[in-house]
Protein backbone atom coordinates (compact mmCIF):
# COMPACT_ATOMS: atom_id res chain seq x y z
CA UNK A 1 -109.36 78.33 -99.60
CA UNK A 2 -109.40 75.85 -101.93
CA UNK A 3 -109.85 74.50 -105.71
CA UNK A 4 -109.46 71.38 -107.08
CA UNK A 5 -108.59 70.30 -110.59
CA UNK A 6 -109.62 66.53 -111.40
CA UNK A 7 -109.20 64.53 -114.20
CA UNK A 8 -111.37 61.86 -115.87
CA UNK A 9 -110.80 58.92 -118.11
CA UNK A 10 -114.35 56.97 -118.51
CA UNK A 11 -116.31 58.90 -116.64
CA UNK A 12 -113.95 58.06 -113.81
CA UNK A 13 -112.32 60.14 -111.62
CA UNK A 14 -108.66 59.15 -111.85
CA UNK A 15 -107.15 61.80 -110.38
CA UNK A 16 -107.33 65.43 -108.82
CA UNK A 17 -104.83 68.34 -107.53
CA UNK A 18 -105.59 70.35 -104.56
CA UNK A 19 -104.84 74.05 -104.70
CA UNK A 20 -104.97 75.51 -101.38
CA UNK A 21 -103.64 78.65 -99.28
CA UNK A 22 -103.06 81.32 -101.69
CA UNK A 23 -101.53 83.81 -100.06
CA UNK A 24 -101.37 86.17 -103.31
CA UNK A 25 -97.68 85.37 -104.75
CA UNK A 26 -97.61 81.37 -102.70
CA UNK A 27 -100.28 78.08 -102.63
CA UNK A 28 -100.06 75.14 -101.23
CA UNK A 29 -100.65 71.43 -103.76
CA UNK A 30 -101.72 68.29 -103.25
CA UNK A 31 -102.23 65.58 -105.53
CA UNK A 32 -103.57 62.34 -105.48
CA UNK A 33 -104.67 59.45 -107.97
CA UNK A 34 -104.07 56.02 -110.35
CA UNK A 35 -100.33 55.02 -111.32
CA UNK A 36 -99.78 56.81 -114.45
CA UNK A 37 -102.77 60.02 -113.98
CA UNK A 38 -100.13 62.88 -114.59
CA UNK A 39 -99.48 64.00 -117.85
CA UNK A 40 -97.71 66.29 -119.01
CA UNK A 41 -100.53 68.36 -120.56
CA UNK A 42 -102.60 67.89 -117.41
CA UNK A 43 -99.75 69.53 -115.46
CA UNK A 44 -99.43 72.62 -117.88
CA UNK A 45 -103.07 73.14 -116.73
CA UNK A 46 -102.17 73.01 -113.22
CA UNK A 47 -99.35 76.01 -113.32
CA UNK A 48 -101.25 77.91 -115.68
CA UNK A 49 -104.19 78.05 -113.38
CA UNK A 50 -101.62 78.38 -110.49
CA UNK A 51 -98.42 80.94 -111.92
CA UNK A 52 -101.14 82.68 -114.55
CA UNK A 53 -104.67 82.43 -113.30
CA UNK A 54 -103.67 82.78 -109.17
CA UNK A 55 -100.89 84.71 -110.33
CA UNK A 56 -98.27 82.57 -108.16
CA UNK A 57 -94.67 82.78 -108.31
CA UNK A 58 -94.47 80.05 -106.57
CA UNK A 59 -96.15 76.84 -104.94
CA UNK A 60 -95.26 74.42 -101.67
CA UNK A 61 -96.23 71.04 -101.30
CA UNK A 62 -96.10 69.00 -97.98
CA UNK A 63 -95.30 65.61 -97.62
CA UNK A 64 -95.34 63.05 -95.37
CA UNK A 65 -91.93 62.25 -94.82
CA UNK A 66 -92.96 58.09 -94.68
CA UNK A 67 -94.57 59.20 -98.30
CA UNK A 68 -91.48 57.88 -100.92
CA UNK A 69 -93.80 57.91 -104.04
CA UNK A 70 -94.93 61.61 -103.10
CA UNK A 71 -91.37 62.75 -102.52
CA UNK A 72 -90.11 61.27 -105.88
CA UNK A 73 -92.96 62.46 -107.91
CA UNK A 74 -92.62 66.21 -106.70
CA UNK A 75 -88.56 65.90 -107.14
CA UNK A 76 -89.56 64.39 -110.64
CA UNK A 77 -91.68 67.72 -111.09
CA UNK A 78 -89.04 70.03 -110.28
CA UNK A 79 -90.04 70.79 -106.63
CA UNK A 80 -87.11 71.41 -104.17
CA UNK A 81 -86.57 70.18 -100.49
CA UNK A 82 -87.03 73.18 -99.04
CA UNK A 83 -87.64 72.55 -95.10
CA UNK A 84 -89.00 70.27 -91.97
CA UNK A 85 -91.37 70.83 -89.79
CA UNK A 86 -90.49 68.39 -86.98
CA UNK A 87 -93.21 65.79 -85.40
CA UNK A 88 -95.92 67.36 -87.99
CA UNK A 89 -98.09 63.87 -88.98
CA UNK A 90 -97.92 60.27 -87.37
CA UNK A 91 -95.25 59.13 -89.10
CA UNK A 92 -93.08 61.59 -87.86
CA UNK A 93 -91.56 65.17 -89.72
CA UNK A 94 -94.11 66.66 -92.55
CA UNK A 95 -90.83 67.72 -95.28
CA UNK A 96 -91.61 71.15 -97.45
CA UNK A 97 -91.63 71.18 -101.00
CA UNK A 98 -90.82 74.23 -103.05
CA UNK A 99 -90.92 74.53 -106.94
CA UNK A 100 -90.48 78.43 -108.15
CA UNK A 101 -92.43 79.75 -111.33
CA UNK A 102 -89.01 80.15 -112.89
CA UNK A 103 -87.95 76.57 -112.68
CA UNK A 104 -91.13 75.16 -113.41
CA UNK A 105 -90.30 72.74 -116.86
CA UNK A 106 -94.41 72.69 -116.91
CA UNK A 107 -95.27 76.39 -117.34
CA UNK A 108 -93.97 78.38 -120.57
């Protein structure tokens, strides 16, 4: 189960958020896009979908430990490092980040 929320500009896809592994109160989220594609309005749309439409109380992100840009973005969005899955990717470990509905600055 996965849903994709895309953003386009000039008819071209410039970014996408994947929401997957929904289990009633949690889902996984991942993102990919060109620099500057994530706007506050787009983030509000994404988190409205996660928290209102899906009814989640949290969302989880898995990030390869050497993906410094994704880690910085997750932390800027308010995600908190919650754990580590050892040797889960070619680069080494995968970091688990979580964001609770009540802590999301792009929701409400």
